[in-house]
Amino acid sequence: MAMAASLLPPLVVNGETVPRAAIAAEAQNHPAPKGKPGFAWRKAANALAVRTLLLQEASRRGLVPEPAEVGANRFETDEEALIRQLLETVLELDAPTAQAVRTEWERDPSRFRTPPLWEVSHILVACDSRDETSRAKAQTRALELASRVRDNLQDFSRIAAADSDCNSRATGGKLGQFGPGETSSEFEAALRQLSEGDVTAEPVLTRHGWHIIRMDAVDEGAVLPFAAVRQKISDAMEKADWIRKARSYVQELARSAEISGADPSVFQLQAEESGNPV
């Protein structure tokens, strides 16, 4: 990262130079293709250019930080507070009308369901997923087992009992039932792609190793009535309105700013659940 950074121009926003150390720290939050750290650096520079613009405007308006509590004994930083206060000052938000909320629900009521429930079996080839050699060796074995399963799906339980590295081998690989958030993100993402009776086309990697997953049964959840989701839809529409107007405001600031070392045309305001940008 250090060598890549030295080849990139400094970030200057309205005459204020953003320290390279700050960009390097921010770059850790932006994924990039392997061997191309410059991608993360540029994304970080854009994000910090947005933050700097907002903080400069908060200073111009004479705002004084009043950090809000964002969790148990956790408070915003002064910068986070200033950005929130600025946006609360300049953004005019309109609550969606009752009819607009209902129209959004009527577009596709099936989007609003009780959480799904998955009944799952798997075959695990355990490894240290952080170690490339261990991961590759385990993947070779997992691919062999996956091929055997594909050749005869009826043998899944027998193969799990004989070859899985998980204690669930005692029950033919059965893991029981899962709902959203009850397993790793990689495992859950695979579950969401499977229908009842399906087996993953390729082994799935998690921190535990490689998994060959079978969906034994799935309950997609019941469609919820409008009354049960009305507030959730309204909140989501308000948040979307906030994001649109905040992004527009940032782009307005960027158009009138003097910026080098970042690309104002691709500034994107990243709204967090806390309501703070970038």
Protein backbone atom coordinates (compact mmCIF):
# COMPACT_ATOMS: atom_id res chain seq x y z
CA MET A 1 0.00 0.00 0.00
CA ALA A 2 2.84 2.41 0.87
CA MET A 3 4.45 2.10 -2.56
CA ALA A 4 1.08 2.53 -4.34
CA ALA A 5 0.29 5.57 -2.18
CA SER A 6 3.57 7.26 -3.07
CA LEU A 7 2.58 7.18 -6.76
CA LEU A 8 -0.82 8.80 -6.20
CA PRO A 9 -1.37 12.57 -5.90
CA PRO A 10 -2.12 14.11 -2.50
CA LEU A 11 -5.74 14.75 -1.59
CA VAL A 12 -6.44 18.47 -1.30
CA VAL A 13 -9.94 19.83 -0.61
CA ASN A 14 -10.38 23.59 -0.82
CA GLY A 15 -6.73 24.07 0.09
CA GLU A 16 -6.78 21.56 2.97
CA THR A 17 -4.44 18.60 2.51
CA VAL A 18 -5.76 15.34 3.92
CA PRO A 19 -2.91 13.37 5.59
CA ARG A 20 -1.84 10.27 3.72
CA ALA A 21 -1.99 8.35 7.01
CA ALA A 22 -5.70 9.11 7.22
CA ILE A 23 -6.26 7.81 3.69
CA ALA A 24 -4.25 4.67 4.44
CA ALA A 25 -6.38 4.01 7.54
CA GLU A 26 -9.61 4.57 5.61
CA ALA A 27 -8.42 2.29 2.78
CA GLN A 28 -8.70 -0.67 5.16
CA ASN A 29 -12.50 -0.27 4.89
CA HIS A 30 -12.55 -0.56 1.09
CA PRO A 31 -12.00 -3.94 -0.61
CA ALA A 32 -9.80 -4.07 -3.69
CA PRO A 33 -8.69 -6.75 -6.17
CA LYS A 34 -5.67 -8.70 -4.99
CA GLY A 35 -2.46 -6.93 -5.90
CA LYS A 36 -4.23 -3.64 -6.71
CA PRO A 37 -4.18 -1.56 -3.51
CA GLY A 38 -4.57 1.59 -5.59
CA PHE A 39 -8.28 0.77 -5.96
CA ALA A 40 -8.79 0.90 -2.19
CA TRP A 41 -6.71 4.07 -1.93
CA ARG A 42 -8.83 5.89 -4.53
CA LYS A 43 -12.07 4.82 -2.84
CA ALA A 44 -10.70 5.99 0.49
CA ALA A 45 -9.64 9.31 -1.01
CA ASN A 46 -13.15 9.86 -2.39
CA ALA A 47 -14.71 8.98 0.98
CA LEU A 48 -12.41 11.34 2.87
CA ALA A 49 -12.98 14.09 0.32
CA VAL A 50 -16.70 13.84 1.08
CA ARG A 51 -16.07 13.87 4.83
CA THR A 52 -13.73 16.84 4.53
CA LEU A 53 -16.23 18.81 2.45
CA LEU A 54 -18.94 18.23 5.03
CA LEU A 55 -16.69 19.13 7.96
CA GLN A 56 -15.55 22.29 6.20
CA GLU A 57 -19.17 23.31 5.65
CA ALA A 58 -20.04 22.53 9.28
CA SER A 59 -17.15 24.75 10.36
CA ARG A 60 -18.24 27.53 8.00
CA ARG A 61 -21.69 27.45 9.60
CA GLY A 62 -20.18 27.63 13.08
CA LEU A 63 -21.62 24.32 14.26
CA VAL A 64 -20.43 23.00 17.62
CA PRO A 65 -20.30 19.20 18.03
CA GLU A 66 -22.93 17.68 20.30
CA PRO A 67 -22.19 13.91 20.19
CA ALA A 68 -25.24 11.69 20.47
CA GLU A 69 -25.31 8.28 22.12
CA VAL A 70 -25.25 5.54 19.48
CA GLY A 71 -25.15 2.53 21.80
CA ALA A 72 -24.64 1.51 25.39
CA ASN A 73 -22.04 4.00 26.65
CA ARG A 74 -20.95 4.68 23.06
CA PHE A 75 -21.08 8.17 21.59
CA GLU A 76 -20.39 9.74 18.22
CA THR A 77 -17.01 11.30 17.64
CA ASP A 78 -16.99 15.07 17.26
CA GLU A 79 -16.62 14.69 13.48
CA GLU A 80 -19.55 12.28 13.27
CA ALA A 81 -21.66 14.64 15.36
CA LEU A 82 -20.79 17.65 13.17
CA ILE A 83 -21.71 15.79 9.99
CA ARG A 84 -25.00 14.61 11.45
CA GLN A 85 -25.85 18.09 12.73
CA LEU A 86 -25.01 19.64 9.36
CA LEU A 87 -27.24 17.25 7.46
CA GLU A 88 -30.05 17.68 9.97
CA THR A 89 -29.76 21.42 9.32
CA VAL A 90 -29.68 21.40 5.52
CA LEU A 91 -31.82 18.44 4.50
CA GLU A 92 -35.57 18.90 4.29
CA LEU A 93 -37.17 15.47 4.57
CA ASP A 94 -40.81 14.72 3.88
CA ALA A 95 -42.47 11.77 5.59
CA PRO A 96 -44.12 9.49 3.00
CA THR A 97 -47.88 9.76 2.79
CA ALA A 98 -50.07 6.88 3.88
CA GLN A 99 -51.04 6.29 0.25
CA ALA A 100 -47.40 6.23 -0.89
CA VAL A 101 -46.59 3.63 1.76
CA ARG A 102 -49.52 1.47 0.75
CA THR A 103 -48.61 1.79 -2.95
CA GLU A 104 -45.09 0.59 -2.16
CA TRP A 105 -46.50 -2.43 -0.33
CA GLU A 106 -48.90 -3.21 -3.18
CA ARG A 107 -46.07 -3.33 -5.71
CA ASP A 108 -45.17 -6.77 -4.36
CA PRO A 109 -46.60 -7.85 -0.98
CA SER A 110 -44.62 -11.10 -1.18
CA ARG A 111 -41.45 -9.14 -0.32
CA PHE A 112 -42.67 -8.81 3.25
CA ARG A 113 -42.60 -12.17 5.02
CA THR A 114 -41.85 -13.75 8.31
CA PRO A 115 -38.22 -14.99 8.37
CA PRO A 116 -37.49 -18.16 6.38
CA LEU A 117 -36.58 -21.41 8.13
CA TRP A 118 -34.11 -23.85 6.61
CA GLU A 119 -33.56 -27.50 7.57
CA VAL A 120 -30.04 -28.38 6.51
CA SER A 121 -27.49 -31.17 6.25
CA HIS A 122 -23.84 -30.80 5.29
CA ILE A 123 -20.52 -32.49 4.78
CA LEU A 124 -17.60 -30.54 6.21
CA VAL A 125 -13.97 -30.70 5.15
CA ALA A 126 -12.33 -28.77 7.96
CA CYS A 127 -9.31 -26.52 7.45
CA ASP A 128 -7.72 -23.28 8.52
CA SER A 129 -9.40 -21.03 5.97
CA ARG A 130 -6.78 -18.31 6.57
CA ASP A 131 -3.95 -20.59 5.46
CA GLU A 132 -3.68 -20.91 1.68
CA THR A 133 -2.02 -24.35 1.72
CA SER A 134 -4.53 -25.81 4.20
CA ARG A 135 -7.42 -24.24 2.31
CA ALA A 136 -6.30 -25.58 -1.07
CA LYS A 137 -5.67 -29.11 0.22
CA ALA A 138 -9.09 -29.21 1.86
CA GLN A 139 -10.74 -27.85 -1.27
CA THR A 140 -9.34 -30.71 -3.35
CA ARG A 141 -10.86 -33.23 -0.93
CA ALA A 142 -14.15 -31.30 -0.80
CA LEU A 143 -14.41 -31.29 -4.60
CA GLU A 144 -13.91 -35.05 -4.66
CA LEU A 145 -16.68 -35.56 -2.09
CA ALA A 146 -18.96 -33.16 -3.96
CA SER A 147 -18.42 -35.18 -7.14
CA ARG A 148 -19.37 -38.39 -5.32
CA VAL A 149 -22.52 -36.73 -3.98
CA ARG A 150 -23.53 -35.46 -7.43
CA ASP A 151 -23.11 -38.96 -8.87
CA ASN A 152 -25.62 -40.34 -6.35
CA LEU A 153 -27.55 -37.88 -4.24
CA GLN A 154 -29.04 -40.75 -2.23
CA ASP A 155 -25.59 -41.39 -0.80
CA PHE A 156 -25.31 -37.95 0.81
CA SER A 157 -26.04 -39.16 4.35
CA ARG A 158 -23.76 -42.18 4.01
CA ILE A 159 -20.88 -40.01 2.69
CA ALA A 160 -21.44 -37.50 5.49
CA ALA A 161 -21.36 -40.27 8.09
CA ALA A 162 -18.12 -41.64 6.70
CA ASP A 163 -16.20 -38.53 5.63
CA SER A 164 -17.49 -35.35 7.27
CA ASP A 165 -15.23 -33.61 9.78
CA CYS A 166 -18.25 -32.31 11.70
CA ASN A 167 -19.86 -34.03 14.70
CA SER A 168 -23.08 -34.03 12.67
CA ARG A 169 -21.69 -37.07 10.84
CA ALA A 170 -23.30 -39.11 13.63
CA THR A 171 -26.69 -38.13 12.17
CA GLY A 172 -25.73 -38.33 8.51
CA GLY A 173 -24.75 -34.68 8.37
CA LYS A 174 -28.02 -33.26 9.72
CA LEU A 175 -27.57 -29.83 11.31
CA GLY A 176 -31.19 -29.10 12.14
CA GLN A 177 -32.97 -25.82 11.46
CA PHE A 178 -31.57 -22.33 10.87
CA GLY A 179 -33.08 -18.90 10.49
CA PRO A 180 -31.43 -15.75 9.17
CA GLY A 181 -28.43 -14.64 11.21
CA GLU A 182 -27.94 -17.99 12.91
CA THR A 183 -25.00 -19.17 10.82
CA SER A 184 -22.07 -17.59 8.97
CA SER A 185 -22.79 -15.12 6.19
CA GLU A 186 -21.21 -17.41 3.56
CA PHE A 187 -23.26 -20.41 4.70
CA GLU A 188 -26.48 -18.37 4.81
CA ALA A 189 -25.84 -16.92 1.35
CA ALA A 190 -25.63 -20.48 0.00
CA LEU A 191 -28.84 -21.49 1.78
CA ARG A 192 -30.72 -18.63 0.15
CA GLN A 193 -29.85 -20.06 -3.27
CA LEU A 194 -31.15 -23.57 -2.57
CA SER A 195 -34.59 -25.08 -2.99
CA GLU A 196 -35.78 -28.14 -1.11
CA GLY A 197 -33.72 -31.19 -2.08
CA ASP A 198 -30.92 -29.15 -3.69
CA VAL A 199 -27.21 -29.64 -2.98
CA THR A 200 -24.70 -26.85 -3.50
CA ALA A 201 -23.06 -27.09 -6.92
CA GLU A 202 -19.65 -26.31 -5.41
CA PRO A 203 -18.26 -26.53 -1.86
CA VAL A 204 -18.82 -23.38 0.19
CA LEU A 205 -15.94 -21.90 2.20
CA THR A 206 -16.46 -20.53 5.72
CA ARG A 207 -14.04 -20.05 8.62
CA HIS A 208 -14.65 -23.70 9.54
CA GLY A 209 -13.65 -25.11 6.15
CA TRP A 210 -15.45 -26.32 3.00
CA HIS A 211 -19.11 -27.34 3.18
CA ILE A 212 -21.21 -29.44 0.82
CA ILE A 213 -24.73 -28.36 1.77
CA ARG A 214 -28.08 -30.08 1.22
CA MET A 215 -31.38 -28.29 1.74
CA ASP A 216 -33.62 -30.88 3.41
CA ALA A 217 -36.66 -28.62 3.81
CA VAL A 218 -37.42 -24.93 3.53
CA ASP A 219 -40.20 -22.71 4.82
CA GLU A 220 -40.11 -19.39 2.94
CA GLY A 221 -42.17 -17.64 5.62
CA ALA A 222 -45.71 -16.28 5.49
CA VAL A 223 -46.60 -13.05 3.70
CA LEU A 224 -47.28 -10.35 6.29
CA PRO A 225 -50.41 -8.15 6.17
CA PHE A 226 -50.01 -4.47 5.37
CA ALA A 227 -50.71 -3.39 8.95
CA ALA A 228 -47.76 -5.44 10.21
CA VAL A 229 -45.22 -3.86 7.85
CA ARG A 230 -46.60 -0.35 7.34
CA GLN A 231 -44.10 1.30 9.73
CA LYS A 232 -41.16 -0.69 8.40
CA ILE A 233 -41.96 0.41 4.84
CA SER A 234 -42.40 4.02 5.93
CA ASP A 235 -39.04 3.98 7.72
CA ALA A 236 -37.31 2.47 4.67
CA MET A 237 -38.83 5.11 2.38
CA GLU A 238 -37.68 7.89 4.72
CA LYS A 239 -34.17 6.44 4.80
CA ALA A 240 -34.08 6.22 0.98
CA ASP A 241 -35.22 9.85 0.76
CA TRP A 242 -32.47 10.84 3.22
CA ILE A 243 -29.83 9.06 1.13
CA ARG A 244 -30.99 10.69 -2.13
CA LYS A 245 -31.02 14.18 -0.67
CA ALA A 246 -27.76 13.74 1.22
CA ARG A 247 -26.03 12.49 -1.93
CA SER A 248 -27.41 15.43 -3.89
CA TYR A 249 -26.16 17.84 -1.22
CA VAL A 250 -22.67 16.33 -1.26
CA GLN A 251 -22.53 16.55 -5.03
CA GLU A 252 -23.61 20.19 -4.82
CA LEU A 253 -20.75 20.91 -2.42
CA ALA A 254 -18.33 19.06 -4.70
CA ARG A 255 -19.34 21.08 -7.76
CA SER A 256 -18.38 24.33 -6.06
CA ALA A 257 -15.23 22.96 -4.41
CA GLU A 258 -11.61 22.84 -5.51
CA ILE A 259 -10.54 19.22 -5.18
CA SER A 260 -7.45 17.36 -6.34
CA GLY A 261 -6.48 13.78 -5.66
CA ALA A 262 -10.09 12.51 -5.79
CA ASP A 263 -12.84 12.20 -8.36
CA PRO A 264 -15.84 14.39 -7.45
CA SER A 265 -18.01 12.76 -10.13
CA VAL A 266 -18.06 9.45 -8.29
CA PHE A 267 -18.67 10.71 -4.76
CA GLN A 268 -21.15 8.47 -3.07
CA LEU A 269 -22.54 9.09 0.38
CA GLN A 270 -22.56 5.86 2.35
CA ALA A 271 -25.49 5.99 4.79
CA GLU A 272 -25.05 3.88 7.91
CA GLU A 273 -27.76 2.59 10.18
CA SER A 274 -26.78 5.25 12.68
CA GLY A 275 -27.81 7.90 10.18
CA ASN A 276 -24.26 9.19 9.70
CA PRO A 277 -22.71 9.48 6.24
CA VAL A 278 -19.40 7.98 5.13
